[in-house]
Amino acid sequence: EKLDEHMDFASQLIFAQNRGDLTAENVNQCVLEMMIAAPDTLSVTLFFMLILIAEHPTVEEAMMTEIETVMGKQELKS
């Protein structure tokens, strides 16, 4: 029944609904909560990541070296 061991969470929810473990309303609620919570948790995670990078200049230098190694002379785009 499971197509891939590394299946995404939304697909697992749909499979659980098809097996009868969850209702359609349960699946909708889970997806809605993930969409609402993601921006908040992401912003907090990025904030603390940036603080840690700022507090550890050697880590920042290593990150910049790796970016330059991978990107070469290409300009970074947002």
PDB file of N, CA and C in Angstrom:
ATOM      1  N   GLU A   1       0.820  -1.195   0.000  1.00  0.00           N
ATOM      2  CA  GLU A   1       0.000   0.000   0.000  1.00  0.00           C
ATOM      3  C   GLU A   1       0.855   1.246   0.000  1.00  0.00           C
ATOM      4  N   LYS A   2       1.963   1.231   0.705  1.00  0.00           N
ATOM      5  CA  LYS A   2       2.824   2.409   0.755  1.00  0.00           C
ATOM      6  C   LYS A   2       3.740   2.408  -0.463  1.00  0.00           C
ATOM      7  N   LEU A   3       3.703   3.493  -1.235  1.00  0.00           N
ATOM      8  CA  LEU A   3       4.452   3.555  -2.481  1.00  0.00           C
ATOM      9  C   LEU A   3       5.936   3.817  -2.272  1.00  0.00           C
ATOM     10  N   ASP A   4       6.271   4.610  -1.294  1.00  0.00           N
ATOM     11  CA  ASP A   4       7.649   5.025  -1.117  1.00  0.00           C
ATOM     12  C   ASP A   4       7.916   5.217   0.370  1.00  0.00           C
ATOM     13  N   GLU A   5       9.050   4.739   0.821  1.00  0.00           N
ATOM     14  CA  GLU A   5       9.385   4.873   2.238  1.00  0.00           C
ATOM     15  C   GLU A   5       9.573   6.334   2.641  1.00  0.00           C
ATOM     16  N   HIS A   6       9.915   7.171   1.682  1.00  0.00           N
ATOM     17  CA  HIS A   6      10.168   8.590   1.966  1.00  0.00           C
ATOM     18  C   HIS A   6       9.040   9.463   1.425  1.00  0.00           C
ATOM     19  N   MET A   7       7.824   9.018   1.603  1.00  0.00           N
ATOM     20  CA  MET A   7       6.656   9.744   1.102  1.00  0.00           C
ATOM     21  C   MET A   7       6.418  10.996   1.947  1.00  0.00           C
ATOM     22  N   ASP A   8       5.944  12.063   1.305  1.00  0.00           N
ATOM     23  CA  ASP A   8       5.691  13.294   2.038  1.00  0.00           C
ATOM     24  C   ASP A   8       4.495  13.126   2.986  1.00  0.00           C
ATOM     25  N   PHE A   9       4.434  14.023   3.953  1.00  0.00           N
ATOM     26  CA  PHE A   9       3.426  13.905   5.011  1.00  0.00           C
ATOM     27  C   PHE A   9       1.997  14.016   4.480  1.00  0.00           C
ATOM     28  N   ALA A  10       1.778  14.898   3.503  1.00  0.00           N
ATOM     29  CA  ALA A  10       0.426  15.061   2.945  1.00  0.00           C
ATOM     30  C   ALA A  10      -0.045  13.764   2.291  1.00  0.00           C
ATOM     31  N   SER A  11       0.846  13.087   1.575  1.00  0.00           N
ATOM     32  CA  SER A  11       0.483  11.804   0.957  1.00  0.00           C
ATOM     33  C   SER A  11       0.181  10.758   2.025  1.00  0.00           C
ATOM     34  N   GLN A  12       0.935  10.763   3.100  1.00  0.00           N
ATOM     35  CA  GLN A  12       0.670   9.826   4.191  1.00  0.00           C
ATOM     36  C   GLN A  12      -0.701  10.091   4.804  1.00  0.00           C
ATOM     37  N   LEU A  13      -1.071  11.367   4.917  1.00  0.00           N
ATOM     38  CA  LEU A  13      -2.402  11.695   5.433  1.00  0.00           C
ATOM     39  C   LEU A  13      -3.490  11.143   4.515  1.00  0.00           C
ATOM     40  N   ILE A  14      -3.287  11.281   3.206  1.00  0.00           N
ATOM     41  CA  ILE A  14      -4.277  10.784   2.246  1.00  0.00           C
ATOM     42  C   ILE A  14      -4.383   9.269   2.329  1.00  0.00           C
ATOM     43  N   PHE A  15      -3.247   8.580   2.440  1.00  0.00           N
ATOM     44  CA  PHE A  15      -3.283   7.121   2.605  1.00  0.00           C
ATOM     45  C   PHE A  15      -4.014   6.732   3.890  1.00  0.00           C
ATOM     46  N   ALA A  16      -3.779   7.496   4.962  1.00  0.00           N
ATOM     47  CA  ALA A  16      -4.471   7.203   6.231  1.00  0.00           C
ATOM     48  C   ALA A  16      -5.974   7.384   6.068  1.00  0.00           C
ATOM     49  N   GLN A  17      -6.371   8.381   5.298  1.00  0.00           N
ATOM     50  CA  GLN A  17      -7.802   8.583   5.027  1.00  0.00           C
ATOM     51  C   GLN A  17      -8.354   7.410   4.214  1.00  0.00           C
ATOM     52  N   ASN A  18      -7.612   6.976   3.204  1.00  0.00           N
ATOM     53  CA  ASN A  18      -8.066   5.849   2.380  1.00  0.00           C
ATOM     54  C   ASN A  18      -8.186   4.558   3.178  1.00  0.00           C
ATOM     55  N   ARG A  19      -7.326   4.381   4.183  1.00  0.00           N
ATOM     56  CA  ARG A  19      -7.389   3.187   5.047  1.00  0.00           C
ATOM     57  C   ARG A  19      -8.511   3.301   6.075  1.00  0.00           C
ATOM     58  N   GLY A  20      -9.042   4.499   6.260  1.00  0.00           N
ATOM     59  CA  GLY A  20     -10.076   4.703   7.255  1.00  0.00           C
ATOM     60  C   GLY A  20      -9.541   5.125   8.607  1.00  0.00           C
ATOM     61  N   ASP A  21      -8.220   5.404   8.691  1.00  0.00           N
ATOM     62  CA  ASP A  21      -7.618   5.844   9.956  1.00  0.00           C
ATOM     63  C   ASP A  21      -7.976   7.297  10.271  1.00  0.00           C
ATOM     64  N   LEU A  22      -8.204   8.104   9.237  1.00  0.00           N
ATOM     65  CA  LEU A  22      -8.572   9.505   9.398  1.00  0.00           C
ATOM     66  C   LEU A  22      -9.768   9.826   8.514  1.00  0.00           C
ATOM     67  N   THR A  23     -10.532  10.814   8.933  1.00  0.00           N
ATOM     68  CA  THR A  23     -11.631  11.277   8.090  1.00  0.00           C
ATOM     69  C   THR A  23     -11.103  12.380   7.169  1.00  0.00           C
ATOM     70  N   ALA A  24     -11.872  12.730   6.155  1.00  0.00           N
ATOM     71  CA  ALA A  24     -11.490  13.822   5.261  1.00  0.00           C
ATOM     72  C   ALA A  24     -11.348  15.120   6.058  1.00  0.00           C
ATOM     73  N   GLU A  25     -12.212  15.305   7.037  1.00  0.00           N
ATOM     74  CA  GLU A  25     -12.136  16.512   7.878  1.00  0.00           C
ATOM     75  C   GLU A  25     -10.832  16.534   8.673  1.00  0.00           C
ATOM     76  N   ASN A  26     -10.396  15.367   9.184  1.00  0.00           N
ATOM     77  CA  ASN A  26      -9.124  15.295   9.904  1.00  0.00           C
ATOM     78  C   ASN A  26      -7.956  15.677   8.996  1.00  0.00           C
ATOM     79  N   VAL A  27      -7.967  15.162   7.777  1.00  0.00           N
ATOM     80  CA  VAL A  27      -6.893  15.460   6.826  1.00  0.00           C
ATOM     81  C   VAL A  27      -6.887  16.947   6.497  1.00  0.00           C
ATOM     82  N   ASN A  28      -8.051  17.516   6.216  1.00  0.00           N
ATOM     83  CA  ASN A  28      -8.139  18.952   5.923  1.00  0.00           C
ATOM     84  C   ASN A  28      -7.617  19.784   7.084  1.00  0.00           C
ATOM     85  N   GLN A  29      -7.969  19.419   8.301  1.00  0.00           N
ATOM     86  CA  GLN A  29      -7.535  20.161   9.485  1.00  0.00           C
ATOM     87  C   GLN A  29      -6.020  20.092   9.643  1.00  0.00           C
ATOM     88  N   CYS A  30      -5.434  18.913   9.429  1.00  0.00           N
ATOM     89  CA  CYS A  30      -3.977  18.764   9.534  1.00  0.00           C
ATOM     90  C   CYS A  30      -3.260  19.645   8.522  1.00  0.00           C
ATOM     91  N   VAL A  31      -3.720  19.626   7.280  1.00  0.00           N
ATOM     92  CA  VAL A  31      -3.092  20.435   6.229  1.00  0.00           C
ATOM     93  C   VAL A  31      -3.249  21.923   6.542  1.00  0.00           C
ATOM     94  N   LEU A  32      -4.427  22.328   6.983  1.00  0.00           N
ATOM     95  CA  LEU A  32      -4.662  23.727   7.337  1.00  0.00           C
ATOM     96  C   LEU A  32      -3.732  24.169   8.464  1.00  0.00           C
ATOM     97  N   GLU A  33      -3.589  23.347   9.486  1.00  0.00           N
ATOM     98  CA  GLU A  33      -2.713  23.697  10.610  1.00  0.00           C
ATOM     99  C   GLU A  33      -1.259  23.801  10.164  1.00  0.00           C
ATOM    100  N   MET A  34      -0.831  22.928   9.254  1.00  0.00           N
ATOM    101  CA  MET A  34       0.543  23.010   8.749  1.00  0.00           C
ATOM    102  C   MET A  34       0.757  24.310   7.979  1.00  0.00           C
ATOM    103  N   MET A  35      -0.223  24.709   7.185  1.00  0.00           N
ATOM    104  CA  MET A  35      -0.093  25.931   6.391  1.00  0.00           C
ATOM    105  C   MET A  35      -0.089  27.170   7.271  1.00  0.00           C
ATOM    106  N   ILE A  36      -0.866  27.154   8.332  1.00  0.00           N
ATOM    107  CA  ILE A  36      -0.942  28.313   9.223  1.00  0.00           C
ATOM    108  C   ILE A  36       0.300  28.398  10.104  1.00  0.00           C
ATOM    109  N   ALA A  37       0.778  27.259  10.598  1.00  0.00           N
ATOM    110  CA  ALA A  37       1.902  27.249  11.534  1.00  0.00           C
ATOM    111  C   ALA A  37       3.244  27.452  10.847  1.00  0.00           C
ATOM    112  N   ALA A  38       3.376  27.033   9.613  1.00  0.00           N
ATOM    113  CA  ALA A  38       4.681  27.053   8.940  1.00  0.00           C
ATOM    114  C   ALA A  38       5.332  28.431   8.895  1.00  0.00           C
ATOM    115  N   PRO A  39       4.645  29.492   8.490  1.00  0.00           N
ATOM    116  CA  PRO A  39       5.325  30.794   8.425  1.00  0.00           C
ATOM    117  C   PRO A  39       5.853  31.266   9.778  1.00  0.00           C
ATOM    118  N   ASP A  40       5.110  31.014  10.843  1.00  0.00           N
ATOM    119  CA  ASP A  40       5.532  31.444  12.170  1.00  0.00           C
ATOM    120  C   ASP A  40       6.772  30.683  12.622  1.00  0.00           C
ATOM    121  N   THR A  41       6.736  29.359  12.516  1.00  0.00           N
ATOM    122  CA  THR A  41       7.891  28.574  12.962  1.00  0.00           C
ATOM    123  C   THR A  41       9.102  28.831  12.076  1.00  0.00           C
ATOM    124  N   LEU A  42       8.881  29.038  10.789  1.00  0.00           N
ATOM    125  CA  LEU A  42       9.984  29.327   9.882  1.00  0.00           C
ATOM    126  C   LEU A  42      10.644  30.659  10.235  1.00  0.00           C
ATOM    127  N   SER A  43       9.847  31.665  10.510  1.00  0.00           N
ATOM    128  CA  SER A  43      10.423  32.976  10.827  1.00  0.00           C
ATOM    129  C   SER A  43      11.224  32.922  12.127  1.00  0.00           C
ATOM    130  N   VAL A  44      10.742  32.207  13.125  1.00  0.00           N
ATOM    131  CA  VAL A  44      11.477  32.085  14.391  1.00  0.00           C
ATOM    132  C   VAL A  44      12.781  31.317  14.169  1.00  0.00           C
ATOM    133  N   THR A  45      12.720  30.243  13.395  1.00  0.00           N
ATOM    134  CA  THR A  45      13.919  29.451  13.103  1.00  0.00           C
ATOM    135  C   THR A  45      14.955  30.282  12.367  1.00  0.00           C
ATOM    136  N   LEU A  46      14.535  31.020  11.350  1.00  0.00           N
ATOM    137  CA  LEU A  46      15.470  31.862  10.606  1.00  0.00           C
ATOM    138  C   LEU A  46      16.071  32.951  11.486  1.00  0.00           C
ATOM    139  N   PHE A  47      15.253  33.531  12.366  1.00  0.00           N
ATOM    140  CA  PHE A  47      15.738  34.572  13.281  1.00  0.00           C
ATOM    141  C   PHE A  47      16.868  34.032  14.156  1.00  0.00           C
ATOM    142  N   PHE A  48      16.657  32.867  14.782  1.00  0.00           N
ATOM    143  CA  PHE A  48      17.684  32.305  15.657  1.00  0.00           C
ATOM    144  C   PHE A  48      18.897  31.829  14.869  1.00  0.00           C
ATOM    145  N   MET A  49      18.690  31.338  13.651  1.00  0.00           N
ATOM    146  CA  MET A  49      19.809  30.927  12.811  1.00  0.00           C
ATOM    147  C   MET A  49      20.695  32.132  12.501  1.00  0.00           C
ATOM    148  N   LEU A  50      20.076  33.253  12.152  1.00  0.00           N
ATOM    149  CA  LEU A  50      20.846  34.459  11.840  1.00  0.00           C
ATOM    150  C   LEU A  50      21.583  34.990  13.068  1.00  0.00           C
ATOM    151  N   ILE A  51      20.951  34.906  14.220  1.00  0.00           N
ATOM    152  CA  ILE A  51      21.630  35.327  15.458  1.00  0.00           C
ATOM    153  C   ILE A  51      22.854  34.452  15.705  1.00  0.00           C
ATOM    154  N   LEU A  52      22.696  33.144  15.558  1.00  0.00           N
ATOM    155  CA  LEU A  52      23.822  32.238  15.789  1.00  0.00           C
ATOM    156  C   LEU A  52      24.953  32.477  14.799  1.00  0.00           C
ATOM    157  N   ILE A  53      24.607  32.732  13.544  1.00  0.00           N
ATOM    158  CA  ILE A  53      25.636  33.022  12.548  1.00  0.00           C
ATOM    159  C   ILE A  53      26.369  34.312  12.927  1.00  0.00           C
ATOM    160  N   ALA A  54      25.629  35.324  13.351  1.00  0.00           N
ATOM    161  CA  ALA A  54      26.243  36.598  13.739  1.00  0.00           C
ATOM    162  C   ALA A  54      27.169  36.433  14.947  1.00  0.00           C
ATOM    163  N   GLU A  55      26.840  35.519  15.849  1.00  0.00           N
ATOM    164  CA  GLU A  55      27.650  35.298  17.049  1.00  0.00           C
ATOM    165  C   GLU A  55      28.878  34.433  16.778  1.00  0.00           C
ATOM    166  N   HIS A  56      28.932  33.793  15.615  1.00  0.00           N
ATOM    167  CA  HIS A  56      30.043  32.887  15.298  1.00  0.00           C
ATOM    168  C   HIS A  56      30.614  33.236  13.922  1.00  0.00           C
ATOM    169  N   PRO A  57      31.488  34.247  13.874  1.00  0.00           N
ATOM    170  CA  PRO A  57      32.012  34.717  12.592  1.00  0.00           C
ATOM    171  C   PRO A  57      32.778  33.648  11.808  1.00  0.00           C
ATOM    172  N   THR A  58      33.414  32.701  12.478  1.00  0.00           N
ATOM    173  CA  THR A  58      34.136  31.653  11.743  1.00  0.00           C
ATOM    174  C   THR A  58      33.160  30.756  10.984  1.00  0.00           C
ATOM    175  N   VAL A  59      31.983  30.536  11.558  1.00  0.00           N
ATOM    176  CA  VAL A  59      30.950  29.758  10.868  1.00  0.00           C
ATOM    177  C   VAL A  59      30.446  30.544   9.662  1.00  0.00           C
ATOM    178  N   GLU A  60      30.261  31.855   9.848  1.00  0.00           N
ATOM    179  CA  GLU A  60      29.819  32.699   8.731  1.00  0.00           C
ATOM    180  C   GLU A  60      30.830  32.659   7.584  1.00  0.00           C
ATOM    181  N   GLU A  61      32.116  32.753   7.932  1.00  0.00           N
ATOM    182  CA  GLU A  61      33.155  32.693   6.900  1.00  0.00           C
ATOM    183  C   GLU A  61      33.137  31.358   6.167  1.00  0.00           C
ATOM    184  N   ALA A  62      32.964  30.261   6.909  1.00  0.00           N
ATOM    185  CA  ALA A  62      32.911  28.932   6.290  1.00  0.00           C
ATOM    186  C   ALA A  62      31.703  28.820   5.362  1.00  0.00           C
ATOM    187  N   MET A  63      30.579  29.379   5.783  1.00  0.00           N
ATOM    188  CA  MET A  63      29.380  29.352   4.942  1.00  0.00           C
ATOM    189  C   MET A  63      29.604  30.154   3.660  1.00  0.00           C
ATOM    190  N   MET A  64      30.188  31.329   3.789  1.00  0.00           N
ATOM    191  CA  MET A  64      30.435  32.164   2.611  1.00  0.00           C
ATOM    192  C   MET A  64      31.421  31.487   1.661  1.00  0.00           C
ATOM    193  N   THR A  65      32.433  30.814   2.202  1.00  0.00           N
ATOM    194  CA  THR A  65      33.386  30.087   1.368  1.00  0.00           C
ATOM    195  C   THR A  65      32.684  28.984   0.595  1.00  0.00           C
ATOM    196  N   GLU A  66      31.808  28.265   1.267  1.00  0.00           N
ATOM    197  CA  GLU A  66      31.071  27.192   0.588  1.00  0.00           C
ATOM    198  C   GLU A  66      30.149  27.746  -0.493  1.00  0.00           C
ATOM    199  N   ILE A  67      29.469  28.836  -0.191  1.00  0.00           N
ATOM    200  CA  ILE A  67      28.591  29.458  -1.194  1.00  0.00           C
ATOM    201  C   ILE A  67      29.406  29.872  -2.417  1.00  0.00           C
ATOM    202  N   GLU A  68      30.566  30.490  -2.181  1.00  0.00           N
ATOM    203  CA  GLU A  68      31.418  30.915  -3.297  1.00  0.00           C
ATOM    204  C   GLU A  68      31.949  29.717  -4.078  1.00  0.00           C
ATOM    205  N   THR A  69      32.243  28.612  -3.381  1.00  0.00           N
ATOM    206  CA  THR A  69      32.724  27.402  -4.053  1.00  0.00           C
ATOM    207  C   THR A  69      31.647  26.831  -4.962  1.00  0.00           C
ATOM    208  N   VAL A  70      30.431  26.807  -4.482  1.00  0.00           N
ATOM    209  CA  VAL A  70      29.328  26.229  -5.255  1.00  0.00           C
ATOM    210  C   VAL A  70      28.870  27.178  -6.355  1.00  0.00           C
ATOM    211  N   MET A  71      28.731  28.446  -6.028  1.00  0.00           N
ATOM    212  CA  MET A  71      28.157  29.420  -6.967  1.00  0.00           C
ATOM    213  C   MET A  71      29.201  29.991  -7.932  1.00  0.00           C
ATOM    214  N   GLY A  72      30.476  29.951  -7.559  1.00  0.00           N
ATOM    215  CA  GLY A  72      31.495  30.556  -8.410  1.00  0.00           C
ATOM    216  C   GLY A  72      31.312  32.053  -8.469  1.00  0.00           C
ATOM    217  N   LYS A  73      31.385  32.592  -9.677  1.00  0.00           N
ATOM    218  CA  LYS A  73      31.253  34.042  -9.858  1.00  0.00           C
ATOM    219  C   LYS A  73      29.828  34.477 -10.152  1.00  0.00           C
ATOM    220  N   GLN A  74      28.873  33.536 -10.088  1.00  0.00           N
ATOM    221  CA  GLN A  74      27.475  33.884 -10.345  1.00  0.00           C
ATOM    222  C   GLN A  74      26.969  34.831  -9.255  1.00  0.00           C
ATOM    223  N   GLU A  75      26.093  35.722  -9.653  1.00  0.00           N
ATOM    224  CA  GLU A  75      25.477  36.603  -8.670  1.00  0.00           C
ATOM    225  C   GLU A  75      24.337  35.854  -7.979  1.00  0.00           C
ATOM    226  N   LEU A  76      24.215  36.071  -6.666  1.00  0.00           N
ATOM    227  CA  LEU A  76      23.126  35.465  -5.913  1.00  0.00           C
ATOM    228  C   LEU A  76      21.845  36.219  -6.199  1.00  0.00           C
ATOM    229  N   LYS A  77      20.763  35.476  -6.396  1.00  0.00           N
ATOM    230  CA  LYS A  77      19.466  36.091  -6.663  1.00  0.00           C
ATOM    231  C   LYS A  77      18.489  35.660  -5.583  1.00  0.00           C
ATOM    232  N   SER A  78      17.592  36.556  -5.227  1.00  0.00           N
ATOM    233  CA  SER A  78      16.591  36.215  -4.209  1.00  0.00           C
ATOM    234  C   SER A  78      15.385  35.563  -4.827  1.00  0.00           C
TER     235      SER A  78
END
